[in-house]
Amino acid sequence: MPKRVKATEAPNVSAITCPELLGQLIKAKRTGMKLKLRDCAALCGVGVNTLSRLERGNPNTTLAAAFSVLQGLGIQLTVKSDTSTEEWV
């Protein structure tokens, strides 16, 4: 009998501030959709190792791969402007 995909919880944060949190979000979405790693990788057009590295928060994964996975899973990346009025130095 094949292994079942066990859903994991999404990180309880208001902003994704590091690769690890992005990985947790991606894994939570994938497992919530009951997708195995290899099936999700195929759906997103990336390799299994690439998806696994993303889910583990490996910072050396390409931005292109991250966007492919986000798009494949229906996760929209939104940019929120900092309300600070200080100029960059």
N, C-alpha and C. Protein backbone atom coordinates (compact mmCIF):
# COMPACT_ATOMS: atom_id res chain seq x y z
N MET A 1 0.84 -1.18 0.00
CA MET A 1 0.00 0.00 0.00
C MET A 1 0.89 1.25 0.00
N PRO A 2 0.64 2.22 -0.90
CA PRO A 2 1.47 3.43 -0.98
C PRO A 2 1.33 4.28 0.28
N LYS A 3 2.41 5.00 0.57
CA LYS A 3 2.38 5.91 1.71
C LYS A 3 1.41 7.05 1.44
N ARG A 4 0.72 7.47 2.49
CA ARG A 4 -0.14 8.64 2.39
C ARG A 4 0.66 9.90 2.68
N VAL A 5 0.22 10.98 2.10
CA VAL A 5 0.87 12.26 2.35
C VAL A 5 0.23 12.86 3.60
N LYS A 6 1.07 13.13 4.61
CA LYS A 6 0.58 13.70 5.86
C LYS A 6 0.70 15.22 5.79
N ALA A 7 -0.42 15.91 5.98
CA ALA A 7 -0.44 17.37 5.90
C ALA A 7 0.40 17.97 7.03
N THR A 8 1.14 19.00 6.69
CA THR A 8 1.90 19.76 7.69
C THR A 8 1.30 21.15 7.79
N GLU A 9 1.52 21.79 8.92
CA GLU A 9 0.95 23.12 9.13
C GLU A 9 1.81 24.20 8.48
N ALA A 10 1.13 25.21 7.98
CA ALA A 10 1.83 26.37 7.42
C ALA A 10 2.40 27.18 8.58
N PRO A 11 3.49 27.89 8.34
CA PRO A 11 4.05 28.71 9.42
C PRO A 11 3.05 29.79 9.84
N ASN A 12 2.98 30.04 11.12
CA ASN A 12 2.04 31.02 11.66
C ASN A 12 2.76 32.37 11.78
N VAL A 13 2.97 32.99 10.63
CA VAL A 13 3.66 34.28 10.59
C VAL A 13 2.94 35.21 9.63
N SER A 14 3.18 36.50 9.79
CA SER A 14 2.53 37.46 8.89
C SER A 14 3.39 37.78 7.66
N ALA A 15 4.66 37.36 7.69
CA ALA A 15 5.55 37.62 6.56
C ALA A 15 6.58 36.50 6.46
N ILE A 16 6.92 36.15 5.23
CA ILE A 16 7.97 35.17 4.99
C ILE A 16 9.28 35.94 4.92
N THR A 17 10.14 35.73 5.90
CA THR A 17 11.35 36.54 6.03
C THR A 17 12.65 35.77 5.82
N CYS A 18 12.54 34.46 5.55
CA CYS A 18 13.75 33.66 5.35
C CYS A 18 13.41 32.42 4.52
N PRO A 19 14.42 31.78 3.94
CA PRO A 19 14.18 30.59 3.12
C PRO A 19 13.47 29.46 3.87
N GLU A 20 13.76 29.31 5.15
CA GLU A 20 13.14 28.25 5.93
C GLU A 20 11.62 28.41 6.01
N LEU A 21 11.16 29.65 6.22
CA LEU A 21 9.71 29.90 6.29
C LEU A 21 9.05 29.67 4.94
N LEU A 22 9.72 30.08 3.87
CA LEU A 22 9.18 29.84 2.53
C LEU A 22 9.06 28.34 2.30
N GLY A 23 10.08 27.59 2.70
CA GLY A 23 10.05 26.14 2.56
C GLY A 23 8.91 25.51 3.34
N GLN A 24 8.67 25.98 4.55
CA GLN A 24 7.56 25.46 5.36
C GLN A 24 6.22 25.75 4.69
N LEU A 25 6.09 26.94 4.12
CA LEU A 25 4.85 27.31 3.43
C LEU A 25 4.63 26.41 2.22
N ILE A 26 5.67 26.19 1.43
CA ILE A 26 5.57 25.35 0.24
C ILE A 26 5.20 23.92 0.63
N LYS A 27 5.86 23.39 1.65
CA LYS A 27 5.58 22.02 2.08
C LYS A 27 4.15 21.90 2.61
N ALA A 28 3.70 22.88 3.37
CA ALA A 28 2.33 22.85 3.90
C ALA A 28 1.31 22.86 2.76
N LYS A 29 1.55 23.66 1.75
CA LYS A 29 0.63 23.73 0.60
C LYS A 29 0.62 22.40 -0.14
N ARG A 30 1.83 21.85 -0.40
CA ARG A 30 1.93 20.57 -1.12
C ARG A 30 1.23 19.45 -0.37
N THR A 31 1.52 19.34 0.91
CA THR A 31 0.94 18.24 1.69
C THR A 31 -0.57 18.46 1.90
N GLY A 32 -0.97 19.71 1.98
CA GLY A 32 -2.40 20.01 2.08
C GLY A 32 -3.16 19.60 0.82
N MET A 33 -2.44 19.61 -0.31
CA MET A 33 -3.02 19.17 -1.58
C MET A 33 -2.86 17.66 -1.78
N LYS A 34 -2.27 16.99 -0.77
CA LYS A 34 -2.03 15.54 -0.80
C LYS A 34 -1.13 15.12 -1.95
N LEU A 35 -0.18 15.98 -2.31
CA LEU A 35 0.76 15.69 -3.39
C LEU A 35 2.05 15.11 -2.83
N LYS A 36 2.50 14.03 -3.42
CA LYS A 36 3.81 13.50 -3.09
C LYS A 36 4.86 14.42 -3.69
N LEU A 37 6.06 14.35 -3.14
CA LEU A 37 7.15 15.21 -3.59
C LEU A 37 7.38 15.09 -5.09
N ARG A 38 7.45 13.88 -5.60
CA ARG A 38 7.76 13.70 -7.03
C ARG A 38 6.61 14.20 -7.91
N ASP A 39 5.36 14.01 -7.47
CA ASP A 39 4.21 14.48 -8.24
C ASP A 39 4.16 16.01 -8.28
N CYS A 40 4.46 16.62 -7.15
CA CYS A 40 4.47 18.08 -7.07
C CYS A 40 5.60 18.65 -7.92
N ALA A 41 6.76 18.02 -7.86
CA ALA A 41 7.90 18.49 -8.67
C ALA A 41 7.54 18.45 -10.15
N ALA A 42 6.91 17.36 -10.58
CA ALA A 42 6.51 17.24 -11.99
C ALA A 42 5.48 18.31 -12.35
N LEU A 43 4.53 18.55 -11.47
CA LEU A 43 3.50 19.55 -11.69
C LEU A 43 4.11 20.95 -11.84
N CYS A 44 5.15 21.21 -11.06
CA CYS A 44 5.77 22.54 -11.04
C CYS A 44 6.91 22.69 -12.04
N GLY A 45 7.30 21.59 -12.68
CA GLY A 45 8.36 21.66 -13.68
C GLY A 45 9.75 21.80 -13.09
N VAL A 46 9.96 21.25 -11.90
CA VAL A 46 11.28 21.27 -11.27
C VAL A 46 11.66 19.84 -10.89
N GLY A 47 12.90 19.63 -10.57
CA GLY A 47 13.35 18.31 -10.13
C GLY A 47 12.94 18.04 -8.69
N VAL A 48 12.89 16.76 -8.36
CA VAL A 48 12.54 16.36 -7.00
C VAL A 48 13.55 16.93 -5.99
N ASN A 49 14.84 16.87 -6.34
CA ASN A 49 15.86 17.40 -5.44
C ASN A 49 15.71 18.90 -5.23
N THR A 50 15.34 19.60 -6.28
CA THR A 50 15.14 21.05 -6.17
C THR A 50 13.99 21.37 -5.23
N LEU A 51 12.88 20.67 -5.41
CA LEU A 51 11.72 20.89 -4.54
C LEU A 51 12.06 20.53 -3.10
N SER A 52 12.76 19.45 -2.91
CA SER A 52 13.15 19.04 -1.56
C SER A 52 14.04 20.10 -0.91
N ARG A 53 14.99 20.64 -1.66
CA ARG A 53 15.86 21.69 -1.12
C ARG A 53 15.05 22.94 -0.77
N LEU A 54 14.10 23.29 -1.61
CA LEU A 54 13.24 24.45 -1.31
C LEU A 54 12.48 24.23 -0.01
N GLU A 55 11.90 23.05 0.15
CA GLU A 55 11.11 22.75 1.34
C GLU A 55 11.98 22.74 2.61
N ARG A 56 13.24 22.42 2.47
CA ARG A 56 14.15 22.41 3.62
C ARG A 56 14.73 23.80 3.90
N GLY A 57 14.43 24.77 3.03
CA GLY A 57 14.90 26.13 3.24
C GLY A 57 16.31 26.36 2.79
N ASN A 58 16.79 25.55 1.86
CA ASN A 58 18.14 25.72 1.34
C ASN A 58 18.22 27.04 0.58
N PRO A 59 19.08 27.97 1.01
CA PRO A 59 19.15 29.28 0.37
C PRO A 59 19.85 29.27 -0.99
N ASN A 60 20.41 28.14 -1.39
CA ASN A 60 21.12 28.06 -2.67
C ASN A 60 20.23 27.63 -3.83
N THR A 61 18.95 27.49 -3.60
CA THR A 61 18.02 27.15 -4.67
C THR A 61 17.73 28.40 -5.49
N THR A 62 17.59 28.24 -6.80
CA THR A 62 17.41 29.42 -7.65
C THR A 62 16.05 30.08 -7.44
N LEU A 63 16.04 31.36 -7.68
CA LEU A 63 14.80 32.12 -7.61
C LEU A 63 13.82 31.64 -8.67
N ALA A 64 14.33 31.28 -9.84
CA ALA A 64 13.46 30.76 -10.91
C ALA A 64 12.75 29.49 -10.46
N ALA A 65 13.46 28.61 -9.78
CA ALA A 65 12.84 27.37 -9.28
C ALA A 65 11.78 27.70 -8.24
N ALA A 66 12.08 28.63 -7.35
CA ALA A 66 11.11 29.01 -6.32
C ALA A 66 9.83 29.56 -6.96
N PHE A 67 9.98 30.41 -7.97
CA PHE A 67 8.80 30.96 -8.65
C PHE A 67 8.02 29.88 -9.39
N SER A 68 8.70 28.92 -9.97
CA SER A 68 8.02 27.80 -10.64
C SER A 68 7.16 27.02 -9.66
N VAL A 69 7.71 26.77 -8.48
CA VAL A 69 6.97 26.03 -7.46
C VAL A 69 5.80 26.86 -6.93
N LEU A 70 6.05 28.12 -6.64
CA LEU A 70 4.97 28.97 -6.15
C LEU A 70 3.82 29.03 -7.15
N GLN A 71 4.15 29.21 -8.42
CA GLN A 71 3.12 29.27 -9.45
C GLN A 71 2.41 27.94 -9.58
N GLY A 72 3.16 26.84 -9.59
CA GLY A 72 2.56 25.52 -9.73
C GLY A 72 1.61 25.17 -8.61
N LEU A 73 1.88 25.69 -7.41
CA LEU A 73 1.03 25.40 -6.26
C LEU A 73 -0.05 26.46 -6.04
N GLY A 74 -0.04 27.49 -6.88
CA GLY A 74 -1.07 28.53 -6.76
C GLY A 74 -0.81 29.49 -5.61
N ILE A 75 0.46 29.66 -5.25
CA ILE A 75 0.83 30.60 -4.19
C ILE A 75 1.25 31.91 -4.84
N GLN A 76 0.60 33.00 -4.45
CA GLN A 76 0.91 34.31 -5.02
C GLN A 76 1.85 35.06 -4.09
N LEU A 77 2.94 35.54 -4.63
CA LEU A 77 3.90 36.34 -3.88
C LEU A 77 3.47 37.80 -3.97
N THR A 78 3.31 38.44 -2.82
CA THR A 78 2.89 39.82 -2.77
C THR A 78 3.95 40.65 -2.07
N VAL A 79 4.23 41.82 -2.60
CA VAL A 79 5.22 42.71 -2.02
C VAL A 79 4.51 43.80 -1.24
N LYS A 80 4.93 43.97 0.00
CA LYS A 80 4.36 45.02 0.84
C LYS A 80 5.44 46.06 1.07
N SER A 81 5.12 47.29 0.77
CA SER A 81 6.09 48.38 0.93
C SER A 81 6.31 48.69 2.40
N ASP A 82 7.56 48.96 2.73
CA ASP A 82 7.90 49.40 4.08
C ASP A 82 7.38 50.82 4.24
N THR A 83 6.75 51.10 5.35
CA THR A 83 6.18 52.44 5.56
C THR A 83 7.20 53.43 6.09
N SER A 84 8.43 52.97 6.26
CA SER A 84 9.49 53.84 6.75
C SER A 84 9.76 54.94 5.73
N THR A 85 10.01 56.14 6.23
CA THR A 85 10.32 57.26 5.33
C THR A 85 11.81 57.56 5.29
N GLU A 86 12.60 56.76 6.01
CA GLU A 86 14.05 56.97 6.00
C GLU A 86 14.62 56.63 4.63
N GLU A 87 15.61 57.41 4.21
CA GLU A 87 16.28 57.15 2.95
C GLU A 87 17.32 56.05 3.15
N TRP A 88 17.57 55.30 2.10
CA TRP A 88 18.60 54.28 2.15
C TRP A 88 19.96 54.96 2.13
N VAL A 89 20.86 54.43 2.86
CA VAL A 89 22.21 55.00 2.90
C VAL A 89 23.11 54.21 2.00
